[in-house]
Amino acid sequence: MDIDTINERYGQDAQALVKWALEQGGTPIVTTNFRPFEAVILHMVAQFKPDIPVVWMDSGYNTPATYQFADEVTTALNLNRVVFQPRRTRAHREAIDGAVPALDDPAHEAFTHEVKLEPFERALREMAPTVWFTALRASDTQHRASMQPVSINSDGLIKVAPLLHWSSKDLYEYLVAHDLPNNFDYFDPTKGEETRECGLHLSH
């Protein structure tokens, strides 16, 4: 598979890229955190494969609005949602370890691994996907700005980011065109800052 050719041919055409990726066969998944504009990737992928597993690593630290949005868009699009959660509940973790550690606290790395990375690693083991759709965008972080829409992880997993080069305006117009809900009351405690990489896309 010539990734450079694939990126050149489909990298600027999100829907064509989704179609190509699904034609590769195997087991595809799409991950989501139900942040702003997530309905775009979920709708786009579900149009081609309605039963695709929608994998959510629910840290237990989402805002009430995010949980409400997750249920709303899942119902609206009839998504096949699969939830992976930390091995300890939020209440259990906080009773033992206290509140979310600050970004500069050495304990923050262990927190991120427990509530996000370990559930994701478990999801990959249990679901054994061959294609992974993600809504990451080049404007999110410096690391993501250097990525291509299609890449292959070290384990052979095809990682596809159809919206990598989309602007917020592009995403908004897609939502309006398809009458999709949105969510702006979102916070990721593993990142803290919007431009900080959470680690999920660095370690895989």
C-alpha atoms as a PDB file:
ATOM      1  CA  MET A   1       0.000   0.000   0.000  1.00  0.00           C
ATOM      2  CA  ASP A   2       1.499   3.314  -1.143  1.00  0.00           C
ATOM      3  CA  ILE A   3       0.380   5.723   1.582  1.00  0.00           C
ATOM      4  CA  ASP A   4       1.720   8.792  -0.216  1.00  0.00           C
ATOM      5  CA  THR A   5      -0.348   7.972  -3.293  1.00  0.00           C
ATOM      6  CA  ILE A   6      -3.458   7.356  -1.181  1.00  0.00           C
ATOM      7  CA  ASN A   7      -3.006  10.663   0.612  1.00  0.00           C
ATOM      8  CA  GLU A   8      -2.455  12.496  -2.655  1.00  0.00           C
ATOM      9  CA  ARG A   9      -5.531  10.917  -4.240  1.00  0.00           C
ATOM     10  CA  TYR A  10      -8.004  11.084  -1.325  1.00  0.00           C
ATOM     11  CA  GLY A  11      -6.460  13.356   1.304  1.00  0.00           C
ATOM     12  CA  GLN A  12      -8.570  16.382   0.381  1.00  0.00           C
ATOM     13  CA  ASP A  13     -11.827  14.452  -0.186  1.00  0.00           C
ATOM     14  CA  ALA A  14     -13.116  13.248   3.171  1.00  0.00           C
ATOM     15  CA  GLN A  15     -16.020  11.156   1.907  1.00  0.00           C
ATOM     16  CA  ALA A  16     -13.958   9.491  -0.806  1.00  0.00           C
ATOM     17  CA  LEU A  17     -11.325   8.709   1.817  1.00  0.00           C
ATOM     18  CA  VAL A  18     -13.906   7.111   4.128  1.00  0.00           C
ATOM     19  CA  LYS A  19     -15.214   5.011   1.250  1.00  0.00           C
ATOM     20  CA  TRP A  20     -11.687   3.900   0.290  1.00  0.00           C
ATOM     21  CA  ALA A  21     -10.794   2.979   3.868  1.00  0.00           C
ATOM     22  CA  LEU A  22     -13.918   0.876   4.339  1.00  0.00           C
ATOM     23  CA  GLU A  23     -13.169  -0.955   1.103  1.00  0.00           C
ATOM     24  CA  GLN A  24      -9.933  -2.217   2.650  1.00  0.00           C
ATOM     25  CA  GLY A  25     -11.989  -4.842   4.502  1.00  0.00           C
ATOM     26  CA  GLY A  26     -11.319  -6.206   7.964  1.00  0.00           C
ATOM     27  CA  THR A  27     -12.740  -4.583  11.074  1.00  0.00           C
ATOM     28  CA  PRO A  28     -13.136  -0.791  11.080  1.00  0.00           C
ATOM     29  CA  ILE A  29     -13.881   1.353  14.127  1.00  0.00           C
ATOM     30  CA  VAL A  30     -14.383   5.062  14.687  1.00  0.00           C
ATOM     31  CA  THR A  31     -13.311   6.588  17.989  1.00  0.00           C
ATOM     32  CA  THR A  32     -15.007   9.604  19.519  1.00  0.00           C
ATOM     33  CA  ASN A  33     -14.877  11.763  22.620  1.00  0.00           C
ATOM     34  CA  PHE A  34     -18.080  13.651  21.761  1.00  0.00           C
ATOM     35  CA  ARG A  35     -16.260  16.977  21.709  1.00  0.00           C
ATOM     36  CA  PRO A  36     -17.389  19.889  19.471  1.00  0.00           C
ATOM     37  CA  PHE A  37     -18.168  18.878  15.871  1.00  0.00           C
ATOM     38  CA  GLU A  38     -17.818  15.127  16.554  1.00  0.00           C
ATOM     39  CA  ALA A  39     -21.186  14.521  14.890  1.00  0.00           C
ATOM     40  CA  VAL A  40     -19.488  15.209  11.540  1.00  0.00           C
ATOM     41  CA  ILE A  41     -17.170  12.179  11.553  1.00  0.00           C
ATOM     42  CA  LEU A  42     -19.849   9.985  13.122  1.00  0.00           C
ATOM     43  CA  HIS A  43     -22.439  10.900  10.498  1.00  0.00           C
ATOM     44  CA  MET A  44     -19.975  10.675   7.613  1.00  0.00           C
ATOM     45  CA  VAL A  45     -18.721   7.200   8.512  1.00  0.00           C
ATOM     46  CA  ALA A  46     -22.171   5.887   9.464  1.00  0.00           C
ATOM     47  CA  GLN A  47     -23.499   6.887   6.037  1.00  0.00           C
ATOM     48  CA  PHE A  48     -21.236   4.260   4.508  1.00  0.00           C
ATOM     49  CA  LYS A  49     -21.332   1.703   7.336  1.00  0.00           C
ATOM     50  CA  PRO A  50     -24.264   2.187   9.749  1.00  0.00           C
ATOM     51  CA  ASP A  51     -23.162  -0.596  12.114  1.00  0.00           C
ATOM     52  CA  ILE A  52     -19.535   0.492  12.508  1.00  0.00           C
ATOM     53  CA  PRO A  53     -18.476   0.301  16.173  1.00  0.00           C
ATOM     54  CA  VAL A  54     -18.297   3.801  17.645  1.00  0.00           C
ATOM     55  CA  VAL A  55     -15.712   3.449  20.405  1.00  0.00           C
ATOM     56  CA  TRP A  56     -15.860   5.898  23.299  1.00  0.00           C
ATOM     57  CA  MET A  57     -13.230   5.976  26.037  1.00  0.00           C
ATOM     58  CA  ASP A  58     -15.437   7.491  28.734  1.00  0.00           C
ATOM     59  CA  SER A  59     -13.040   8.789  31.376  1.00  0.00           C
ATOM     60  CA  GLY A  60     -15.856   9.511  33.822  1.00  0.00           C
ATOM     61  CA  TYR A  61     -14.821  13.181  33.864  1.00  0.00           C
ATOM     62  CA  ASN A  62     -16.968  14.524  31.025  1.00  0.00           C
ATOM     63  CA  THR A  63     -19.294  17.486  31.465  1.00  0.00           C
ATOM     64  CA  PRO A  64     -23.031  16.834  31.883  1.00  0.00           C
ATOM     65  CA  ALA A  65     -23.571  18.431  28.458  1.00  0.00           C
ATOM     66  CA  THR A  66     -21.135  15.985  26.873  1.00  0.00           C
ATOM     67  CA  TYR A  67     -22.961  12.987  28.305  1.00  0.00           C
ATOM     68  CA  GLN A  68     -26.262  14.451  27.099  1.00  0.00           C
ATOM     69  CA  PHE A  69     -24.810  15.108  23.641  1.00  0.00           C
ATOM     70  CA  ALA A  70     -23.369  11.582  23.490  1.00  0.00           C
ATOM     71  CA  ASP A  71     -26.822  10.115  24.062  1.00  0.00           C
ATOM     72  CA  GLU A  72     -28.493  12.576  21.695  1.00  0.00           C
ATOM     73  CA  VAL A  73     -26.222  11.936  18.723  1.00  0.00           C
ATOM     74  CA  THR A  74     -26.140   8.189  19.407  1.00  0.00           C
ATOM     75  CA  THR A  75     -29.929   8.084  19.229  1.00  0.00           C
ATOM     76  CA  ALA A  76     -30.197  10.455  16.265  1.00  0.00           C
ATOM     77  CA  LEU A  77     -27.757   8.439  14.145  1.00  0.00           C
ATOM     78  CA  ASN A  78     -28.610   5.030  15.629  1.00  0.00           C
ATOM     79  CA  LEU A  79     -24.931   4.511  16.399  1.00  0.00           C
ATOM     80  CA  ASN A  80     -23.413   1.203  17.445  1.00  0.00           C
ATOM     81  CA  ARG A  81     -21.727   2.754  20.494  1.00  0.00           C
ATOM     82  CA  VAL A  82     -19.177   0.693  22.416  1.00  0.00           C
ATOM     83  CA  VAL A  83     -17.963   2.209  25.696  1.00  0.00           C
ATOM     84  CA  PHE A  84     -14.645   1.503  27.389  1.00  0.00           C
ATOM     85  CA  GLN A  85     -14.155   2.917  30.877  1.00  0.00           C
ATOM     86  CA  PRO A  86     -11.268   3.003  33.360  1.00  0.00           C
ATOM     87  CA  ARG A  87     -10.992  -0.034  35.632  1.00  0.00           C
ATOM     88  CA  ARG A  88     -11.771   2.233  38.595  1.00  0.00           C
ATOM     89  CA  THR A  89     -14.786   4.528  38.683  1.00  0.00           C
ATOM     90  CA  ARG A  90     -14.215   8.242  39.142  1.00  0.00           C
ATOM     91  CA  ALA A  91     -15.571   7.990  42.700  1.00  0.00           C
ATOM     92  CA  HIS A  92     -13.172   5.152  43.516  1.00  0.00           C
ATOM     93  CA  ARG A  93     -10.159   6.925  42.015  1.00  0.00           C
ATOM     94  CA  GLU A  94     -10.901  10.202  43.781  1.00  0.00           C
ATOM     95  CA  ALA A  95     -11.471   8.470  47.118  1.00  0.00           C
ATOM     96  CA  ILE A  96      -7.978   6.961  46.903  1.00  0.00           C
ATOM     97  CA  ASP A  97      -5.967   9.478  44.874  1.00  0.00           C
ATOM     98  CA  GLY A  98      -7.907  12.722  45.175  1.00  0.00           C
ATOM     99  CA  ALA A  99      -8.853  15.231  42.491  1.00  0.00           C
ATOM    100  CA  VAL A 100      -7.398  15.418  38.987  1.00  0.00           C
ATOM    101  CA  PRO A 101      -3.684  16.213  39.296  1.00  0.00           C
ATOM    102  CA  ALA A 102      -2.424  19.450  37.781  1.00  0.00           C
ATOM    103  CA  LEU A 103      -0.738  19.294  34.361  1.00  0.00           C
ATOM    104  CA  ASP A 104       2.680  19.882  35.938  1.00  0.00           C
ATOM    105  CA  ASP A 105       2.117  17.252  38.630  1.00  0.00           C
ATOM    106  CA  PRO A 106       4.167  14.065  38.050  1.00  0.00           C
ATOM    107  CA  ALA A 107       0.990  12.109  38.878  1.00  0.00           C
ATOM    108  CA  HIS A 108      -0.782  13.511  35.813  1.00  0.00           C
ATOM    109  CA  GLU A 109       0.877  11.023  33.473  1.00  0.00           C
ATOM    110  CA  ALA A 110      -0.449   8.086  35.511  1.00  0.00           C
ATOM    111  CA  PHE A 111      -3.887   9.739  35.596  1.00  0.00           C
ATOM    112  CA  THR A 112      -3.924  10.067  31.794  1.00  0.00           C
ATOM    113  CA  HIS A 113      -2.892   6.447  31.388  1.00  0.00           C
ATOM    114  CA  GLU A 114      -5.585   5.224  33.755  1.00  0.00           C
ATOM    115  CA  VAL A 115      -8.556   7.140  32.393  1.00  0.00           C
ATOM    116  CA  LYS A 116      -7.731   7.319  28.683  1.00  0.00           C
ATOM    117  CA  LEU A 117      -4.769   5.329  27.404  1.00  0.00           C
ATOM    118  CA  GLU A 118      -5.387   2.021  29.196  1.00  0.00           C
ATOM    119  CA  PRO A 119      -9.068   1.901  28.116  1.00  0.00           C
ATOM    120  CA  PHE A 120      -7.974   2.646  24.544  1.00  0.00           C
ATOM    121  CA  GLU A 121      -5.306  -0.063  24.604  1.00  0.00           C
ATOM    122  CA  ARG A 122      -7.925  -2.464  25.945  1.00  0.00           C
ATOM    123  CA  ALA A 123     -10.306  -1.449  23.160  1.00  0.00           C
ATOM    124  CA  LEU A 124      -7.664  -2.203  20.539  1.00  0.00           C
ATOM    125  CA  ARG A 125      -6.944  -5.612  22.068  1.00  0.00           C
ATOM    126  CA  GLU A 126     -10.567  -6.631  22.372  1.00  0.00           C
ATOM    127  CA  MET A 127     -11.854  -5.250  19.072  1.00  0.00           C
ATOM    128  CA  ALA A 128      -8.736  -5.900  16.975  1.00  0.00           C
ATOM    129  CA  PRO A 129      -9.559  -3.264  14.349  1.00  0.00           C
ATOM    130  CA  THR A 130      -7.789  -3.051  11.003  1.00  0.00           C
ATOM    131  CA  VAL A 131      -8.986   0.484  10.217  1.00  0.00           C
ATOM    132  CA  TRP A 132      -9.302   3.293  12.762  1.00  0.00           C
ATOM    133  CA  PHE A 133     -11.237   6.459  11.908  1.00  0.00           C
ATOM    134  CA  THR A 134     -10.517   9.505  14.043  1.00  0.00           C
ATOM    135  CA  ALA A 135     -11.764  13.104  13.923  1.00  0.00           C
ATOM    136  CA  LEU A 136      -8.415  14.681  14.770  1.00  0.00           C
ATOM    137  CA  ARG A 137      -7.575  17.891  12.926  1.00  0.00           C
ATOM    138  CA  ALA A 138      -4.292  19.513  11.964  1.00  0.00           C
ATOM    139  CA  SER A 139      -5.248  22.670  13.864  1.00  0.00           C
ATOM    140  CA  ASP A 140      -5.624  20.796  17.182  1.00  0.00           C
ATOM    141  CA  THR A 141      -1.958  20.434  18.156  1.00  0.00           C
ATOM    142  CA  GLN A 142       1.502  20.928  16.698  1.00  0.00           C
ATOM    143  CA  HIS A 143       1.947  17.158  16.486  1.00  0.00           C
ATOM    144  CA  ARG A 144      -1.272  16.686  14.517  1.00  0.00           C
ATOM    145  CA  ALA A 145      -0.294  19.447  12.092  1.00  0.00           C
ATOM    146  CA  SER A 146       2.533  17.202  10.894  1.00  0.00           C
ATOM    147  CA  MET A 147       0.292  14.192  10.265  1.00  0.00           C
ATOM    148  CA  GLN A 148      -1.227  12.894   7.026  1.00  0.00           C
ATOM    149  CA  PRO A 149      -4.888  11.885   6.579  1.00  0.00           C
ATOM    150  CA  VAL A 150      -3.852   8.233   6.202  1.00  0.00           C
ATOM    151  CA  SER A 151      -1.030   6.561   8.097  1.00  0.00           C
ATOM    152  CA  ILE A 152      -0.179   3.055   9.202  1.00  0.00           C
ATOM    153  CA  ASN A 153       0.684   2.335  12.827  1.00  0.00           C
ATOM    154  CA  SER A 154       3.580   0.071  13.724  1.00  0.00           C
ATOM    155  CA  ASP A 155       1.149  -2.814  14.246  1.00  0.00           C
ATOM    156  CA  GLY A 156      -0.330  -2.424  10.752  1.00  0.00           C
ATOM    157  CA  LEU A 157      -3.489  -0.583  11.849  1.00  0.00           C
ATOM    158  CA  ILE A 158      -4.617   1.867   9.151  1.00  0.00           C
ATOM    159  CA  LYS A 159      -5.328   5.200  10.827  1.00  0.00           C
ATOM    160  CA  VAL A 160      -7.656   7.499   8.885  1.00  0.00           C
ATOM    161  CA  ALA A 161      -8.346  11.156   9.684  1.00  0.00           C
ATOM    162  CA  PRO A 162     -10.772  12.312   6.966  1.00  0.00           C
ATOM    163  CA  LEU A 163     -11.290  15.732   8.571  1.00  0.00           C
ATOM    164  CA  LEU A 164      -7.607  16.479   9.137  1.00  0.00           C
ATOM    165  CA  HIS A 165      -7.597  19.541   6.890  1.00  0.00           C
ATOM    166  CA  TRP A 166     -11.120  20.767   7.608  1.00  0.00           C
ATOM    167  CA  SER A 167     -11.686  24.187   9.170  1.00  0.00           C
ATOM    168  CA  SER A 168     -14.230  24.935  11.878  1.00  0.00           C
ATOM    169  CA  LYS A 169     -16.294  26.613   9.140  1.00  0.00           C
ATOM    170  CA  ASP A 170     -16.260  23.410   7.077  1.00  0.00           C
ATOM    171  CA  LEU A 171     -17.418  21.411  10.089  1.00  0.00           C
ATOM    172  CA  TYR A 172     -20.142  23.901  10.981  1.00  0.00           C
ATOM    173  CA  GLU A 173     -21.501  23.927   7.434  1.00  0.00           C
ATOM    174  CA  TYR A 174     -21.625  20.125   7.406  1.00  0.00           C
ATOM    175  CA  LEU A 175     -23.572  20.113  10.677  1.00  0.00           C
ATOM    176  CA  VAL A 176     -26.078  22.613   9.300  1.00  0.00           C
ATOM    177  CA  ALA A 177     -26.446  20.785   5.988  1.00  0.00           C
ATOM    178  CA  HIS A 178     -27.262  17.521   7.752  1.00  0.00           C
ATOM    179  CA  ASP A 179     -29.165  19.018  10.719  1.00  0.00           C
ATOM    180  CA  LEU A 180     -26.777  17.487  13.256  1.00  0.00           C
ATOM    181  CA  PRO A 181     -26.442  18.372  16.970  1.00  0.00           C
ATOM    182  CA  ASN A 182     -23.300  19.859  18.467  1.00  0.00           C
ATOM    183  CA  ASN A 183     -21.621  20.229  21.849  1.00  0.00           C
ATOM    184  CA  PHE A 184     -19.397  23.087  23.010  1.00  0.00           C
ATOM    185  CA  ASP A 185     -19.441  22.372  26.743  1.00  0.00           C
ATOM    186  CA  TYR A 186     -16.539  19.947  26.575  1.00  0.00           C
ATOM    187  CA  PHE A 187     -13.455  19.463  28.721  1.00  0.00           C
ATOM    188  CA  ASP A 188     -10.731  16.821  28.629  1.00  0.00           C
ATOM    189  CA  PRO A 189      -8.933  16.569  32.003  1.00  0.00           C
ATOM    190  CA  THR A 190      -6.040  14.648  30.430  1.00  0.00           C
ATOM    191  CA  LYS A 191      -5.216  17.640  28.220  1.00  0.00           C
ATOM    192  CA  GLY A 192      -6.346  20.652  30.218  1.00  0.00           C
ATOM    193  CA  GLU A 193      -5.425  22.929  27.334  1.00  0.00           C
ATOM    194  CA  GLU A 194      -6.897  22.641  23.849  1.00  0.00           C
ATOM    195  CA  THR A 195      -3.514  22.625  22.112  1.00  0.00           C
ATOM    196  CA  ARG A 196      -1.961  20.012  24.399  1.00  0.00           C
ATOM    197  CA  GLU A 197      -1.651  16.452  23.048  1.00  0.00           C
ATOM    198  CA  CYS A 198      -3.323  13.886  25.309  1.00  0.00           C
ATOM    199  CA  GLY A 199      -0.966  11.081  24.308  1.00  0.00           C
ATOM    200  CA  LEU A 200      -3.380   8.778  22.547  1.00  0.00           C
ATOM    201  CA  HIS A 201      -2.112   9.788  19.101  1.00  0.00           C
ATOM    202  CA  LEU A 202       1.510   9.950  20.235  1.00  0.00           C
ATOM    203  CA  SER A 203       1.716   6.443  21.651  1.00  0.00           C
ATOM    204  CA  HIS A 204      -0.013   4.679  18.788  1.00  0.00           C
END
